[in-house]
């Protein structure tokens, strides 16, 4: 385990938060729940039928894990009312009818989707975070968040990032850790969305990576050195995003647009952007689109041997994170620790 991950787990354990895991049908999640409680990383609510979970996982000691069956939960009507009020007036595009005609229909909907049920627990304040996705799609994890939890004040964009942990001493990563965004959710973000991603990523850098953010808005151009205004307008978009981010978060150290080397290499930063506080010194990197972000983090991961923690979801009013369907027990533990730190 990396020192950064050890530190994340240690800091999470000090917060004593409670995270709901809706996928009690997945043995990896069940084993992770037991391990999380054993290590006192957070308190855990596991959703599912307690008898079925115990039967399917006879070797797992779930002492200390709170197992709740939504079908018999005394609070399920309360959560149904929250769902009904949250979606009141929304129309089902397939039927043309209201999504939920009454609270009973909302309850039936919540009991069909335990990720939604977990989101309702989070909305009610009965848990501090939610982690799902081991056996459900990203869309299934994010949809309840968008419908019920919604975005944080001042932020209109849910995004993702990877916390990138350097394998050893790296002169271009003196903090030992960096944040790359958005690598998994927004395909071609607008200038306004890029600004939101920058602000959210800075918060992630502080709360999870434990570093003071210096945000670089990335491009193939540095401070106007290149331009594609005639065809694609990607450079003007990043320039506009930088301006918006500075206006929305004047206290944030953010600058751009930068080529990657101008953002991380002091000698290049001084040459290309001598007046910038970020150039040559960045530790949070906002890519212009998902192509660049996804390729960039995987290059760092494979060629640079960085450990990529994530994707971490950001921008929600309350913490929600998505697991890979190929995740290990250790992955679930790490994501729960990250979620607890976001709470």
Protein backbone atom coordinates (compact mmCIF):
# COMPACT_ATOMS: atom_id res chain seq x y z
CA UNK A 1 0.00 0.00 0.00
CA UNK A 2 1.31 3.45 -0.95
CA UNK A 3 2.07 6.05 1.71
CA UNK A 4 -0.56 8.35 0.18
CA UNK A 5 -3.25 5.66 0.39
CA UNK A 6 -2.21 4.83 3.95
CA UNK A 7 -2.58 8.50 4.81
CA UNK A 8 -6.02 8.65 3.16
CA UNK A 9 -7.18 5.65 5.21
CA UNK A 10 -5.73 7.10 8.41
CA UNK A 11 -7.40 10.48 7.92
CA UNK A 12 -10.69 8.80 6.98
CA UNK A 13 -10.66 6.74 10.17
CA UNK A 14 -10.29 9.90 12.23
CA UNK A 15 -13.52 11.33 10.79
CA UNK A 16 -15.78 8.42 11.85
CA UNK A 17 -18.16 8.88 8.92
CA UNK A 18 -20.84 6.45 7.73
CA UNK A 19 -20.91 5.17 4.13
CA UNK A 20 -23.73 3.18 2.55
CA UNK A 21 -22.91 0.29 0.21
CA UNK A 22 -26.08 -0.65 -1.74
CA UNK A 23 -24.69 -3.80 -3.37
CA UNK A 24 -25.09 -6.41 -0.66
CA UNK A 25 -25.50 -9.03 -3.39
CA UNK A 26 -21.82 -8.68 -4.36
CA UNK A 27 -19.38 -10.74 -2.29
CA UNK A 28 -16.54 -8.26 -2.88
CA UNK A 29 -18.62 -5.48 -1.37
CA UNK A 30 -19.60 -7.67 1.59
CA UNK A 31 -15.97 -8.59 2.28
CA UNK A 32 -14.94 -4.95 1.93
CA UNK A 33 -17.65 -3.88 4.39
CA UNK A 34 -16.25 -6.26 6.98
CA UNK A 35 -12.68 -5.06 6.36
CA UNK A 36 -13.65 -1.38 6.53
CA UNK A 37 -15.32 -1.84 9.90
CA UNK A 38 -12.46 -4.02 11.15
CA UNK A 39 -9.94 -1.29 10.26
CA UNK A 40 -12.31 1.39 11.62
CA UNK A 41 -12.05 3.35 8.37
CA UNK A 42 -15.71 4.32 8.58
CA UNK A 43 -19.02 3.01 9.75
CA UNK A 44 -20.81 0.99 7.07
CA UNK A 45 -24.44 0.43 6.11
CA UNK A 46 -24.82 -2.56 3.78
CA UNK A 47 -28.10 -2.88 1.89
CA UNK A 48 -29.70 -6.26 1.30
CA UNK A 49 -31.47 -9.16 2.98
CA UNK A 50 -29.35 -10.04 6.07
CA UNK A 51 -30.22 -13.73 5.81
CA UNK A 52 -29.30 -13.95 2.12
CA UNK A 53 -26.06 -11.99 2.66
CA UNK A 54 -25.00 -14.27 5.52
CA UNK A 55 -25.92 -17.38 3.52
CA UNK A 56 -23.90 -16.25 0.49
CA UNK A 57 -20.88 -15.19 2.59
CA UNK A 58 -20.57 -17.78 5.40
CA UNK A 59 -16.89 -16.99 6.03
CA UNK A 60 -17.34 -13.22 6.41
CA UNK A 61 -17.67 -11.75 9.89
CA UNK A 62 -20.11 -8.86 9.58
CA UNK A 63 -20.02 -7.90 13.25
CA UNK A 64 -20.21 -4.11 13.42
CA UNK A 65 -21.61 -3.75 9.89
CA UNK A 66 -25.15 -2.33 9.83
CA UNK A 67 -27.14 -4.50 7.42
CA UNK A 68 -30.46 -2.99 6.33
CA UNK A 69 -33.09 -4.63 4.16
CA UNK A 70 -34.89 -1.76 2.40
CA UNK A 71 -38.02 -3.89 2.04
CA UNK A 72 -38.45 -4.10 5.82
CA UNK A 73 -36.69 -0.88 6.83
CA UNK A 74 -38.85 1.24 9.16
CA UNK A 75 -37.59 4.34 7.36
CA UNK A 76 -38.51 3.30 3.83
CA UNK A 77 -41.70 5.41 3.76
CA UNK A 78 -39.68 8.45 4.85
CA UNK A 79 -37.25 7.89 1.98
CA UNK A 80 -40.13 7.38 -0.46
CA UNK A 81 -41.52 10.77 0.50
CA UNK A 82 -38.12 12.35 -0.18
CA UNK A 83 -38.01 10.71 -3.61
CA UNK A 84 -41.56 11.76 -4.43
CA UNK A 85 -40.90 15.39 -3.51
CA UNK A 86 -37.54 15.42 -5.31
CA UNK A 87 -39.09 14.19 -8.57
CA UNK A 88 -42.49 15.89 -8.29
CA UNK A 89 -43.47 17.31 -11.66
CA UNK A 90 -40.97 15.17 -13.60
CA UNK A 91 -42.42 13.29 -16.57
CA UNK A 92 -41.41 9.80 -17.72
CA UNK A 93 -40.28 10.31 -21.33
CA UNK A 94 -41.40 6.81 -22.36
CA UNK A 95 -44.93 6.95 -20.94
CA UNK A 96 -45.61 10.70 -20.88
CA UNK A 97 -46.90 10.22 -17.31
CA UNK A 98 -45.48 11.53 -14.00
CA UNK A 99 -42.48 9.51 -12.81
CA UNK A 100 -44.28 8.84 -9.53
CA UNK A 101 -48.00 9.50 -9.15
CA UNK A 102 -47.80 9.19 -5.36
CA UNK A 103 -45.55 8.18 -2.46
CA UNK A 104 -46.43 4.49 -2.85
CA UNK A 105 -45.15 4.51 -6.43
CA UNK A 106 -41.99 6.27 -5.26
CA UNK A 107 -41.50 3.57 -2.62
CA UNK A 108 -41.87 0.84 -5.24
CA UNK A 109 -39.29 2.63 -7.39
CA UNK A 110 -36.80 2.96 -4.54
CA UNK A 111 -37.18 -0.72 -3.64
CA UNK A 112 -36.32 -1.70 -7.22
CA UNK A 113 -33.06 0.27 -7.13
CA UNK A 114 -30.99 0.03 -3.96
CA UNK A 115 -28.54 2.63 -5.27
CA UNK A 116 -31.45 5.07 -5.31
CA UNK A 117 -32.41 3.88 -1.84
CA UNK A 118 -28.86 4.59 -0.64
CA UNK A 119 -29.00 8.05 -2.25
CA UNK A 120 -32.21 8.75 -0.35
CA UNK A 121 -30.51 7.75 2.91
CA UNK A 122 -27.73 10.16 2.00
CA UNK A 123 -30.22 12.93 1.17
CA UNK A 124 -31.92 12.38 4.53
CA UNK A 125 -28.59 12.72 6.34
CA UNK A 126 -28.73 9.19 7.74
CA UNK A 127 -25.39 8.35 6.08
CA UNK A 128 -22.49 10.56 5.00
CA UNK A 129 -21.58 9.03 1.63
CA UNK A 130 -22.47 6.39 -0.95
CA UNK A 131 -20.31 3.97 -2.94
CA UNK A 132 -21.77 1.76 -5.68
CA UNK A 133 -20.91 0.32 -9.08
CA UNK A 134 -19.32 -3.06 -8.32
CA UNK A 135 -22.14 -4.79 -10.18
CA UNK A 136 -24.01 -1.83 -11.66
CA UNK A 137 -23.20 0.64 -14.42
CA UNK A 138 -21.75 4.10 -13.88
CA UNK A 139 -25.04 5.55 -15.15
CA UNK A 140 -26.95 3.59 -12.52
CA UNK A 141 -24.67 5.00 -9.81
CA UNK A 142 -24.70 8.61 -10.99
CA UNK A 143 -28.38 8.89 -11.92
CA UNK A 144 -29.72 8.83 -8.33
CA UNK A 145 -27.09 11.38 -7.37
CA UNK A 146 -28.16 13.73 -10.16
CA UNK A 147 -31.85 13.21 -9.44
CA UNK A 148 -31.81 13.39 -5.64
CA UNK A 149 -28.51 14.70 -4.26
CA UNK A 150 -27.82 17.18 -7.10
CA UNK A 151 -24.78 19.43 -7.37
CA UNK A 152 -22.92 21.41 -4.74
CA UNK A 153 -23.70 25.13 -4.29
CA UNK A 154 -22.13 27.18 -7.09
CA UNK A 155 -21.30 24.06 -9.12
CA UNK A 156 -23.41 22.91 -12.06
CA UNK A 157 -21.20 20.06 -13.28
CA UNK A 158 -20.61 16.59 -11.86
CA UNK A 159 -17.16 15.45 -12.94
CA UNK A 160 -14.45 12.96 -12.12
CA UNK A 161 -10.76 12.95 -11.37
CA UNK A 162 -7.93 10.56 -10.59
CA UNK A 163 -5.63 11.06 -7.65
CA UNK A 164 -2.27 10.19 -9.19
CA UNK A 165 0.36 8.93 -6.76
CA UNK A 166 4.01 9.15 -7.86
CA UNK A 167 5.92 5.83 -7.56
CA UNK A 168 9.02 7.48 -6.09
CA UNK A 169 10.68 10.87 -5.86
CA UNK A 170 9.78 12.79 -9.00
CA UNK A 171 11.11 16.31 -9.61
CA UNK A 172 8.01 17.18 -11.60
CA UNK A 173 5.71 15.95 -8.81
CA UNK A 174 7.33 17.28 -5.61
CA UNK A 175 4.12 16.74 -3.59
CA UNK A 176 4.25 13.05 -4.48
CA UNK A 177 0.66 13.26 -5.68
CA UNK A 178 -1.32 15.10 -8.35
CA UNK A 179 -4.93 15.34 -9.54
CA UNK A 180 -6.01 14.72 -13.17
CA UNK A 181 -9.51 15.74 -14.37
CA UNK A 182 -11.91 15.04 -16.06
CA UNK A 183 -10.94 11.57 -17.22
CA UNK A 184 -14.22 9.65 -17.06
CA UNK A 185 -17.48 11.61 -17.24
CA UNK A 186 -17.64 14.78 -19.37
CA UNK A 187 -16.75 14.00 -22.98
CA UNK A 188 -16.42 17.51 -24.44
CA UNK A 189 -16.97 19.98 -21.59
CA UNK A 190 -17.86 23.59 -22.28
CA UNK A 191 -15.85 26.50 -20.87
CA UNK A 192 -18.31 26.77 -17.98
CA UNK A 193 -18.03 23.05 -17.27
CA UNK A 194 -14.22 23.17 -17.39
CA UNK A 195 -14.30 25.99 -14.83
CA UNK A 196 -16.51 23.88 -12.55
CA UNK A 197 -14.17 20.90 -13.02
CA UNK A 198 -11.19 23.08 -12.03
CA UNK A 199 -12.90 24.30 -8.85
CA UNK A 200 -14.10 20.80 -7.87
CA UNK A 201 -10.68 19.28 -8.58
CA UNK A 202 -9.01 21.84 -6.35
CA UNK A 203 -11.34 20.83 -3.52
CA UNK A 204 -10.51 17.17 -4.15
CA UNK A 205 -6.80 18.00 -4.02
CA UNK A 206 -7.25 19.52 -0.58
CA UNK A 207 -9.70 17.05 0.95
CA UNK A 208 -8.31 13.78 -0.45
CA UNK A 209 -4.76 14.30 -1.71
CA UNK A 210 -3.98 16.64 1.19
CA UNK A 211 -2.18 19.18 -1.00
CA UNK A 212 -2.61 22.89 -1.60
CA UNK A 213 -3.96 23.06 -5.18
CA UNK A 214 -2.19 24.86 -8.02
CA UNK A 215 -4.48 24.34 -10.99
CA UNK A 216 -3.28 24.24 -14.60
CA UNK A 217 -5.81 24.48 -17.44
CA UNK A 218 -4.22 22.33 -20.14
CA UNK A 219 -4.08 22.74 -23.90
CA UNK A 220 -1.70 22.26 -26.84
CA UNK A 221 -1.06 26.01 -26.45
CA UNK A 222 0.63 28.08 -23.73
CA UNK A 223 -0.67 31.60 -23.17
CA UNK A 224 -1.76 32.00 -26.77
CA UNK A 225 1.24 30.32 -28.42
CA UNK A 226 -1.10 28.20 -30.54
CA UNK A 227 -4.64 28.65 -31.77
CA UNK A 228 -7.30 26.64 -33.59
CA UNK A 229 -9.93 29.36 -33.60
CA UNK A 230 -10.64 28.89 -37.30
CA UNK A 231 -11.66 25.23 -36.95
CA UNK A 232 -12.26 23.87 -33.44
CA UNK A 233 -11.94 26.77 -30.96
CA UNK A 234 -10.48 24.48 -28.27
CA UNK A 235 -7.81 26.99 -27.22
CA UNK A 236 -10.29 29.87 -26.80
CA UNK A 237 -12.49 27.49 -24.80
CA UNK A 238 -9.70 26.77 -22.31
CA UNK A 239 -8.85 30.47 -22.12
CA UNK A 240 -12.48 31.30 -21.37
CA UNK A 241 -12.67 28.48 -18.79
CA UNK A 242 -9.62 29.90 -17.00
CA UNK A 243 -11.26 33.32 -16.87
CA UNK A 244 -14.52 31.89 -15.50
CA UNK A 245 -12.72 29.81 -12.85
CA UNK A 246 -10.82 32.88 -11.63
CA UNK A 247 -14.06 34.86 -11.42
CA UNK A 248 -15.99 32.11 -9.60
CA UNK A 249 -13.15 31.25 -7.20
CA UNK A 250 -10.86 34.30 -6.85
CA UNK A 251 -9.05 32.67 -3.94
CA UNK A 252 -8.02 29.70 -6.10
CA UNK A 253 -4.54 29.49 -7.61
CA UNK A 254 -5.48 28.68 -11.21
CA UNK A 255 -3.95 29.70 -14.52
CA UNK A 256 -3.66 28.75 -18.17
CA UNK A 257 -3.82 27.84 -20.85
CA UNK A 258 -0.68 25.67 -20.59
CA UNK A 259 0.97 22.87 -22.47
CA UNK A 260 1.75 20.07 -20.03
CA UNK A 261 5.48 20.76 -19.91
CA UNK A 262 4.86 24.44 -19.20
CA UNK A 263 2.63 23.39 -16.32
CA UNK A 264 5.06 20.97 -14.64
CA UNK A 265 8.63 21.86 -15.65
CA UNK A 266 9.95 24.98 -13.86
CA UNK A 267 12.42 25.76 -16.63
CA UNK A 268 9.70 25.65 -19.30
CA UNK A 269 7.19 27.49 -17.15
CA UNK A 270 9.60 30.38 -16.55
CA UNK A 271 10.33 30.60 -20.25
CA UNK A 272 6.75 30.46 -21.52
CA UNK A 273 4.77 32.08 -18.68
CA UNK A 274 7.19 33.98 -16.42
CA UNK A 275 4.44 35.92 -14.62
CA UNK A 276 2.38 32.85 -13.67
CA UNK A 277 2.29 31.38 -10.15
CA UNK A 278 1.14 28.05 -11.58
CA UNK A 279 3.49 27.57 -14.54
CA UNK A 280 6.12 24.92 -13.80
CA UNK A 281 4.54 24.32 -10.41
CA UNK A 282 1.11 22.77 -11.02
CA UNK A 283 -0.30 19.79 -9.13
CA UNK A 284 -3.90 19.80 -10.42
CA UNK A 285 -4.35 19.31 -14.17
CA UNK A 286 -7.60 20.04 -15.98
CA UNK A 287 -7.64 18.47 -19.44
CA UNK A 288 -9.64 20.08 -22.27
CA UNK A 289 -11.73 16.97 -22.92
CA UNK A 290 -12.13 13.33 -21.95
CA UNK A 291 -9.89 12.11 -24.78
CA UNK A 292 -6.91 14.03 -23.43
CA UNK A 293 -7.74 13.26 -19.79
CA UNK A 294 -8.26 9.53 -20.19
CA UNK A 295 -5.19 9.11 -22.40
CA UNK A 296 -3.11 11.31 -20.11
CA UNK A 297 -3.81 9.46 -16.89
CA UNK A 298 -3.22 6.08 -18.53
CA UNK A 299 0.11 7.23 -19.94
CA UNK A 300 1.16 8.36 -16.46
CA UNK A 301 -0.10 5.07 -15.03
CA UNK A 302 1.60 2.74 -17.53
CA UNK A 303 4.72 4.63 -18.62
CA UNK A 304 5.26 6.65 -15.46
CA UNK A 305 4.13 3.91 -13.03
CA UNK A 306 1.87 6.32 -11.15
CA UNK A 307 -0.83 4.74 -8.96
CA UNK A 308 -4.23 5.99 -10.20
CA UNK A 309 -6.86 6.22 -7.45
CA UNK A 310 -10.32 6.72 -8.87
CA UNK A 311 -12.24 7.80 -10.72
CA UNK A 312 -13.32 10.04 -7.85
CA UNK A 313 -16.68 11.72 -8.44
CA UNK A 314 -16.85 15.40 -7.57
CA UNK A 315 -19.37 18.21 -7.78
CA UNK A 316 -22.22 16.46 -5.92
CA UNK A 317 -23.71 18.19 -2.88
CA UNK A 318 -22.87 15.02 -0.89
CA UNK A 319 -20.24 12.34 -1.62
CA UNK A 320 -21.11 9.66 -4.17
CA UNK A 321 -18.49 7.46 -5.81
CA UNK A 322 -18.57 4.88 -8.56
CA UNK A 323 -16.66 1.59 -8.50
CA UNK A 324 -15.32 -0.26 -11.51
CA UNK A 325 -17.20 -3.47 -12.16
CA UNK A 326 -13.80 -5.16 -12.19
CA UNK A 327 -12.93 -3.81 -8.73
CA UNK A 328 -11.21 -5.79 -6.01
CA UNK A 329 -12.03 -5.82 -2.30
CA UNK A 330 -9.05 -3.50 -1.79
CA UNK A 331 -10.45 -1.09 -4.38
CA UNK A 332 -13.76 -0.90 -2.53
CA UNK A 333 -11.94 -0.21 0.74
CA UNK A 334 -9.91 2.59 -0.85
CA UNK A 335 -12.95 4.23 -2.48
CA UNK A 336 -14.88 4.15 0.79
CA UNK A 337 -11.95 5.85 2.53
CA UNK A 338 -11.91 8.53 -0.18
CA UNK A 339 -15.67 8.98 0.16
CA UNK A 340 -15.38 9.39 3.93
CA UNK A 341 -12.79 12.14 3.41
CA UNK A 342 -15.14 13.98 1.05
CA UNK A 343 -17.91 13.98 3.67
